[in-house]
Protein backbone atom coordinates (compact mmCIF):
# COMPACT_ATOMS: atom_id res chain seq x y z
CA MET A 1 31.91 -31.59 -104.23
CA ASN A 2 31.58 -34.20 -102.01
CA TYR A 3 30.13 -31.93 -99.46
CA ILE A 4 28.98 -32.00 -95.82
CA GLY A 5 25.42 -31.25 -95.64
CA SER A 6 24.83 -30.98 -99.39
CA LYS A 7 21.39 -31.47 -100.43
CA TRP A 8 21.92 -32.46 -103.99
CA SER A 9 20.54 -35.59 -103.57
CA LEU A 10 17.59 -34.01 -101.50
CA LEU A 11 17.01 -31.83 -104.61
CA SER A 12 13.55 -33.57 -106.19
CA PHE A 13 12.37 -33.69 -101.93
CA LEU A 14 13.25 -30.21 -101.30
CA GLU A 15 11.45 -28.68 -104.50
CA ASN A 16 8.66 -30.62 -104.24
CA SER A 17 7.93 -29.67 -100.39
CA ILE A 18 8.69 -26.15 -100.64
CA LEU A 19 6.41 -25.58 -103.98
CA GLU A 20 3.04 -27.79 -101.93
CA ILE A 21 3.80 -25.17 -99.28
CA THR A 22 4.03 -22.13 -101.24
CA ASP A 23 2.01 -19.83 -103.49
CA LYS A 24 2.29 -19.07 -107.44
CA ASP A 25 3.03 -15.42 -106.49
CA CYS A 26 6.53 -16.49 -104.91
CA HIS A 27 9.14 -14.89 -107.12
CA THR A 28 12.75 -14.94 -105.18
CA PHE A 29 14.67 -17.43 -103.24
CA CYS A 30 17.56 -16.87 -100.52
CA ASP A 31 19.90 -19.68 -99.83
CA LEU A 32 21.20 -18.03 -96.24
CA PHE A 33 23.37 -21.04 -95.83
CA ALA A 34 24.50 -21.85 -99.51
CA GLY A 35 27.55 -23.85 -99.05
CA THR A 36 28.74 -25.30 -102.30
CA GLY A 37 25.23 -23.42 -103.71
CA ALA A 38 23.17 -27.04 -104.97
CA VAL A 39 19.94 -25.51 -103.37
CA GLY A 40 20.66 -22.52 -104.78
CA LYS A 41 21.27 -23.52 -108.35
CA HIS A 42 18.67 -25.69 -108.88
CA PHE A 43 16.05 -23.03 -107.91
CA LYS A 44 17.49 -20.27 -110.50
CA GLU A 45 17.46 -23.33 -113.02
CA ARG A 46 13.26 -23.34 -112.21
CA GLY A 47 13.79 -19.72 -112.72
CA PHE A 48 13.77 -17.94 -109.27
CA GLU A 49 15.61 -14.70 -108.24
CA VAL A 50 18.23 -16.29 -106.24
CA THR A 51 20.22 -14.63 -103.39
CA ALA A 52 22.94 -16.74 -101.81
CA ASN A 53 25.07 -16.30 -99.06
CA ASP A 54 27.64 -18.11 -96.58
CA MET A 55 30.46 -16.96 -95.11
CA GLN A 56 33.32 -18.76 -96.55
CA TYR A 57 35.03 -17.58 -99.35
CA TYR A 58 35.06 -20.47 -101.29
CA SER A 59 31.61 -20.84 -101.42
CA TYR A 60 31.28 -17.38 -102.00
CA VAL A 61 33.11 -17.95 -104.97
CA LEU A 62 31.61 -20.73 -106.16
CA ASN A 63 28.26 -19.26 -105.77
CA ARG A 64 29.26 -15.80 -107.08
CA HIS A 65 29.41 -18.03 -110.55
CA TYR A 66 26.90 -20.30 -110.16
CA VAL A 67 24.14 -18.31 -108.93
CA GLY A 68 25.71 -14.67 -109.94
CA ASN A 69 26.80 -15.39 -113.60
CA THR A 70 24.29 -15.26 -116.24
CA ASP A 71 25.92 -14.52 -119.44
CA VAL A 72 28.33 -16.85 -120.88
CA PRO A 73 32.18 -15.10 -120.40
CA ALA A 74 33.64 -14.04 -123.82
CA PHE A 75 37.08 -12.89 -123.05
CA GLU A 76 37.03 -9.66 -125.22
CA ASN A 77 40.06 -8.34 -122.97
CA LEU A 78 42.36 -11.08 -123.50
CA LEU A 79 42.01 -11.22 -127.75
CA GLY A 80 45.46 -8.71 -127.17
CA PHE A 81 46.81 -11.96 -124.82
CA LEU A 82 45.07 -14.80 -126.50
CA PRO A 83 44.20 -13.82 -130.13
CA GLU A 84 42.98 -17.22 -131.05
CA ILE A 85 40.18 -16.30 -129.12
CA VAL A 86 38.70 -14.21 -132.24
CA THR A 87 38.21 -16.91 -134.28
CA LEU A 88 36.08 -18.68 -131.46
CA ASN A 89 32.06 -18.10 -130.84
CA VAL A 90 31.59 -17.13 -127.68
CA ASP A 91 30.27 -20.15 -126.33
CA LYS A 92 34.16 -21.81 -127.36
CA ARG A 93 36.14 -19.28 -125.67
CA ALA A 94 35.65 -20.80 -122.22
CA ALA A 95 36.84 -24.03 -123.11
CA PHE A 96 39.83 -22.30 -124.96
CA VAL A 97 41.17 -20.24 -121.97
CA CYS A 98 40.61 -22.97 -119.35
CA HIS A 99 42.86 -25.50 -121.76
CA TYR A 100 45.29 -22.44 -121.80
CA LEU A 101 45.64 -22.45 -118.09
CA THR A 102 45.90 -26.07 -117.95
CA SER A 103 48.86 -25.62 -119.82
CA ILE A 104 51.11 -23.58 -118.91
CA PRO A 105 54.20 -24.25 -116.85
CA PRO A 106 53.95 -25.25 -113.55
CA VAL A 107 54.93 -22.57 -110.90
CA GLU A 108 56.50 -23.71 -106.91
CA GLY A 109 53.70 -21.60 -104.91
CA PHE A 110 52.14 -21.50 -101.64
CA ILE A 111 50.07 -24.41 -102.07
CA TYR A 112 52.98 -26.38 -103.22
CA LYS A 113 55.50 -25.32 -100.71
CA ASN A 114 53.11 -26.09 -97.94
CA TYR A 115 50.61 -28.78 -99.28
CA CYS A 116 52.32 -30.88 -101.25
CA LEU A 117 55.54 -33.46 -100.05
CA GLY A 118 58.11 -31.89 -102.50
CA GLY A 119 57.16 -28.48 -100.68
CA THR A 120 57.18 -29.33 -97.44
CA LYS A 121 59.56 -32.61 -97.03
CA GLY A 122 62.28 -31.76 -93.86
CA GLU A 123 59.84 -29.02 -92.62
CA GLY A 124 58.56 -30.90 -90.00
CA ALA A 125 54.82 -31.78 -91.34
CA GLU A 126 55.61 -33.16 -94.50
CA ARG A 127 51.63 -33.01 -96.21
CA LEU A 128 50.35 -34.67 -98.76
CA TYR A 129 46.89 -33.20 -99.86
CA PHE A 130 48.11 -32.66 -103.52
CA THR A 131 50.94 -34.30 -105.67
CA ASP A 132 53.71 -31.89 -106.60
CA GLU A 133 52.33 -32.27 -109.81
CA ASN A 134 49.10 -30.46 -109.21
CA GLY A 135 50.30 -28.52 -106.33
CA LYS A 136 52.35 -26.45 -108.48
CA GLN A 137 49.91 -26.21 -111.52
CA CYS A 138 47.05 -25.35 -108.82
CA ASP A 139 49.83 -22.20 -108.12
CA ALA A 140 50.40 -21.76 -111.69
CA ILE A 141 46.86 -21.27 -112.73
CA ARG A 142 46.09 -19.32 -109.37
CA LEU A 143 48.27 -16.95 -109.69
CA LYS A 144 47.77 -16.19 -113.51
CA ILE A 145 44.06 -16.00 -112.93
CA GLU A 146 44.54 -12.92 -110.16
CA GLU A 147 47.56 -11.71 -112.67
CA TRP A 148 44.83 -11.36 -115.15
CA TYR A 149 42.06 -9.60 -113.07
CA SER A 150 44.55 -6.73 -111.59
CA GLU A 151 45.64 -5.99 -115.31
CA ASN A 152 41.76 -6.11 -116.31
CA LEU A 153 42.33 -8.32 -118.88
CA ILE A 154 39.40 -10.23 -117.48
CA THR A 155 36.10 -9.13 -115.88
CA GLU A 156 34.86 -9.84 -112.52
CA ASN A 157 32.26 -12.25 -113.87
CA GLU A 158 34.85 -14.36 -116.10
CA TYR A 159 37.40 -14.00 -112.24
CA PHE A 160 34.62 -15.57 -110.36
CA PHE A 161 34.14 -18.51 -113.61
CA LEU A 162 37.97 -19.25 -113.12
CA LEU A 163 38.01 -19.10 -109.71
CA ALA A 164 34.92 -21.66 -109.10
CA THR A 165 36.57 -23.53 -112.26
CA LEU A 166 39.59 -24.09 -110.53
CA ILE A 167 38.30 -24.94 -107.07
CA GLU A 168 36.16 -27.30 -108.43
CA ASN A 169 39.05 -29.14 -110.46
CA ILE A 170 41.44 -29.40 -107.66
CA ASP A 171 38.89 -30.47 -105.10
CA LYS A 172 38.34 -33.64 -107.44
CA LEU A 173 42.15 -34.41 -106.74
CA ALA A 174 42.58 -34.09 -103.11
CA ASN A 175 44.13 -36.68 -100.99
CA THR A 176 41.71 -36.70 -98.46
CA ALA A 177 38.65 -38.89 -97.53
CA SER A 178 36.33 -36.12 -98.46
CA VAL A 179 37.17 -33.07 -96.15
CA TYR A 180 40.76 -31.43 -95.13
CA GLY A 181 40.72 -31.81 -91.53
CA ALA A 182 43.51 -34.57 -92.63
CA TYR A 183 45.48 -35.62 -95.44
CA LEU A 184 46.18 -39.44 -96.25
CA LYS A 185 49.82 -41.20 -96.08
CA LYS A 186 49.32 -42.29 -99.61
CA ILE A 187 48.39 -40.61 -102.52
CA LYS A 188 45.45 -42.39 -103.78
CA LYS A 189 44.18 -43.36 -107.35
CA SER A 190 41.87 -40.45 -108.00
CA ALA A 191 44.40 -37.66 -106.66
CA ALA A 192 47.05 -38.96 -108.94
CA ALA A 193 45.21 -37.85 -111.86
CA LYS A 194 46.47 -34.42 -113.68
CA LEU A 195 44.91 -31.09 -113.09
CA GLN A 196 42.58 -30.28 -115.62
CA MET A 197 40.55 -27.04 -115.88
CA THR A 198 37.12 -28.18 -117.06
CA PRO A 199 35.14 -25.39 -117.53
CA ALA A 200 32.64 -25.05 -114.89
CA ILE A 201 28.91 -24.96 -116.06
CA LEU A 202 27.00 -21.63 -116.62
CA ILE A 203 22.77 -21.61 -115.83
CA PRO A 204 21.36 -18.77 -117.65
CA GLY A 205 18.85 -16.56 -115.75
CA ASN A 206 17.60 -13.10 -115.53
CA PRO A 207 20.31 -10.88 -114.06
CA ASN A 208 18.69 -10.10 -110.72
CA GLN A 209 20.73 -12.26 -108.55
CA GLN A 210 22.28 -11.49 -105.97
CA VAL A 211 25.26 -13.21 -103.86
CA PHE A 212 27.00 -11.99 -100.46
CA CYS A 213 29.52 -13.29 -98.41
CA GLU A 214 28.47 -12.49 -94.68
CA ASP A 215 27.17 -13.71 -91.34
CA ALA A 216 23.59 -15.13 -91.79
CA ASN A 217 22.57 -13.73 -88.68
CA THR A 218 24.07 -10.24 -89.91
CA LEU A 219 22.46 -9.86 -93.53
CA ILE A 220 19.14 -11.43 -92.81
CA SER A 221 18.08 -8.06 -91.55
CA LYS A 222 19.16 -6.45 -94.98
CA ILE A 223 17.67 -8.23 -97.40
CA LYS A 224 13.95 -9.66 -98.12
CA GLY A 225 11.66 -11.58 -100.07
CA ASP A 226 9.20 -14.77 -100.41
CA ILE A 227 11.01 -17.54 -99.70
CA LEU A 228 14.05 -18.06 -97.16
CA TYR A 229 15.83 -21.61 -97.39
CA LEU A 230 17.69 -22.55 -94.18
CA ASP A 231 20.71 -24.96 -94.27
CA PRO A 232 22.74 -24.32 -90.90
CA PRO A 233 25.66 -26.73 -90.15
CA TYR A 234 23.65 -29.41 -87.64
CA ASN A 235 26.77 -30.18 -85.08
CA HIS A 236 29.93 -29.48 -84.02
CA ARG A 237 31.99 -29.72 -87.16
CA GLN A 238 32.88 -26.16 -88.44
CA TYR A 239 33.20 -25.76 -92.32
CA ALA A 240 35.84 -23.47 -91.88
CA ALA A 241 38.30 -26.16 -90.50
CA ASN A 242 36.79 -29.01 -92.72
CA TYR A 243 37.69 -26.90 -95.57
CA HIS A 244 40.38 -24.70 -95.06
CA LEU A 245 42.35 -25.24 -97.99
CA LEU A 246 39.91 -24.16 -100.53
CA GLU A 247 39.52 -21.02 -98.56
CA THR A 248 42.79 -20.62 -98.83
CA ILE A 249 43.03 -21.86 -102.83
CA ALA A 250 40.65 -19.39 -103.23
CA LYS A 251 41.77 -16.29 -101.36
CA TYR A 252 45.16 -16.99 -102.06
CA ASP A 253 46.10 -15.03 -98.81
CA ALA A 254 49.43 -16.87 -97.99
CA PRO A 255 48.11 -16.89 -94.26
CA LEU A 256 50.21 -18.35 -91.31
CA LEU A 257 49.51 -21.89 -90.98
CA LYS A 258 49.80 -24.10 -87.86
CA GLY A 259 49.84 -27.65 -87.27
CA LYS A 260 50.12 -30.74 -89.05
CA THR A 261 47.31 -30.31 -91.33
CA GLY A 262 48.55 -26.53 -92.09
CA LEU A 263 45.70 -25.01 -91.16
CA ARG A 264 44.84 -21.41 -91.15
CA ASN A 265 42.94 -18.96 -88.81
CA TYR A 266 39.53 -19.38 -88.44
CA SER A 267 38.78 -17.68 -85.59
CA GLU A 268 36.47 -15.07 -87.62
CA GLN A 269 34.64 -18.07 -89.58
CA LYS A 270 32.80 -19.80 -86.39
CA SER A 271 29.44 -20.10 -86.51
CA ASP A 272 27.03 -20.46 -83.55
CA TYR A 273 25.22 -23.03 -84.99
CA CYS A 274 27.79 -25.41 -84.09
CA LEU A 275 28.08 -24.67 -80.82
CA LYS A 276 25.48 -26.02 -78.19
CA SER A 277 25.58 -23.24 -75.84
CA LYS A 278 24.92 -20.78 -78.77
CA VAL A 279 22.60 -22.36 -81.54
CA LYS A 280 19.19 -22.01 -80.02
CA GLU A 281 19.44 -18.46 -79.13
CA SER A 282 21.05 -17.56 -82.83
CA PHE A 283 18.55 -19.46 -84.71
CA GLU A 284 15.52 -17.80 -82.91
CA THR A 285 17.03 -14.07 -83.42
CA LEU A 286 17.23 -15.11 -87.27
CA ILE A 287 13.75 -16.61 -87.50
CA GLN A 288 12.41 -13.25 -85.74
CA ASP A 289 14.79 -10.88 -88.13
CA ALA A 290 13.47 -12.67 -91.40
CA ASP A 291 11.65 -10.30 -93.30
CA PHE A 292 10.09 -13.38 -95.87
CA LYS A 293 6.44 -14.79 -96.46
CA TYR A 294 7.70 -18.43 -95.90
CA ILE A 295 10.50 -19.61 -94.18
CA PHE A 296 12.19 -23.51 -94.57
CA LEU A 297 14.58 -24.92 -92.36
CA SER A 298 16.27 -28.35 -93.17
CA TYR A 299 17.83 -29.37 -90.53
CA ASN A 300 18.44 -33.18 -89.15
CA ASN A 301 17.62 -36.18 -86.35
CA GLU A 302 21.21 -36.05 -85.13
CA GLY A 303 21.50 -32.05 -84.85
CA LEU A 304 22.44 -29.66 -82.02
CA MET A 305 18.12 -28.23 -81.89
CA SER A 306 16.00 -30.59 -81.14
CA LEU A 307 12.75 -31.43 -82.88
CA GLU A 308 10.34 -29.68 -80.32
CA GLU A 309 13.05 -26.99 -80.03
CA VAL A 310 13.02 -26.12 -83.94
CA LYS A 311 9.13 -26.25 -83.69
CA GLU A 312 8.95 -24.00 -80.47
CA ILE A 313 10.46 -21.24 -82.73
CA MET A 314 9.34 -21.01 -85.56
CA SER A 315 5.94 -21.44 -84.68
CA GLN A 316 6.25 -18.00 -83.00
CA ARG A 317 6.16 -16.97 -86.43
CA GLY A 318 3.40 -18.21 -88.04
CA GLU A 319 1.80 -21.56 -89.10
CA TYR A 320 3.84 -24.49 -88.56
CA GLY A 321 4.73 -27.72 -90.40
CA LEU A 322 7.04 -30.42 -91.26
CA PHE A 323 8.36 -32.58 -93.60
CA THR A 324 10.29 -35.99 -93.56
CA LYS A 325 12.97 -37.59 -95.57
CA GLU A 326 15.08 -40.66 -94.73
CA TYR A 327 18.53 -40.31 -96.62
CA SER A 328 22.06 -41.71 -96.80
CA ARG A 329 24.33 -40.38 -94.47
CA PHE A 330 27.63 -38.57 -95.51
CA LYS A 331 30.70 -40.32 -94.42
CA ALA A 332 33.53 -38.72 -94.44
CA ASP A 333 36.19 -41.29 -93.14
CA LYS A 334 36.59 -44.70 -91.70
CA THR A 335 37.14 -43.75 -88.59
CA GLU A 336 33.87 -41.73 -88.55
CA ASN A 337 31.74 -44.49 -89.71
CA ARG A 338 32.68 -46.62 -87.22
CA GLN A 339 31.75 -44.15 -84.46
CA HIS A 340 28.14 -44.55 -85.65
CA LYS A 341 25.47 -47.71 -86.03
CA ALA A 342 22.95 -46.12 -88.39
CA ASN A 343 23.78 -46.28 -91.95
CA SER A 344 21.14 -43.68 -92.97
CA THR A 345 19.50 -40.49 -91.39
CA PHE A 346 16.64 -38.30 -91.51
CA GLU A 347 15.93 -34.77 -92.90
CA TYR A 348 13.36 -32.51 -91.85
CA LEU A 349 12.26 -30.06 -93.69
CA HIS A 350 10.77 -27.26 -91.21
CA TYR A 351 8.30 -24.93 -92.25
CA VAL A 352 6.44 -21.61 -91.18
CA LYS A 353 3.96 -19.61 -93.50
CA ILE A 354 4.60 -15.91 -92.08
CA LYS A 355 1.40 -14.66 -90.41
CA ASP A 356 0.78 -10.97 -91.74
């Protein structure tokens, strides 16, 4: 996914820097602001026991699969509904189930009625987030996944595998400039493609992975471990607003919508890390409450907190240090691009070795 603040392109930098500082007795890794899970997935692949957390539910869904799932979904309870499964090896069943979901009849459900032109035409706000075909198919798949789960035809692990698969694949077809704060006036080429349920990959690992959907400052007092990795929002952008449609697909809770873009109420998901008046106090509380051997913070040179403020707060806990990496700027749309002269920015990886 093309995601604000994604660390996908910086994984080697993060891994090399973190392993340079930490000792060989570190086995647990906590990704407290996990987003789409790029960092947590990476360290799971490296053999760490990962704890992933994010207050956004769509993020929880992605991490619940990529971090939380460690076994290939067997879909044993679907044998009565899809008898063909019994003839397939376990590693082929996920693709079969996803192909079945791709082919079920479309439904004029919540996504079609509120985020597609056919469903919103003449309703005041004619939205064009997806083609009519993809909106209906998304509704059909989402409803079928929920039906199967409520009838115990799929396990919890299989449920989150299918939800993660749907979210990733429908996101590829969004008629937006990367974020859901607005939609394009005409269907772009990539959004015109037909929705396909290409299975989300499975990352094997030991079963001791944990995934949470909580406020980071609340969760921090309940967990402990070796390495704490922090990647909070840098600026005023609220993720809940920029990815509201993924949240609605993940929850499928038929929320009340407002405005031209059909925004759901996200008042309880606003992050203090996006507020200049609150970010420093929240960050200091988080650092003081952390029970880990090492703390690493990804932040960039355009963040709400200054380099000096971060250093001051983290130095209170032990030996402070800093790694720096230049990388290409995230560009969500042409309007935003025109507001910036620089095409690159600097990623700071702050760290502190906690005093005993």
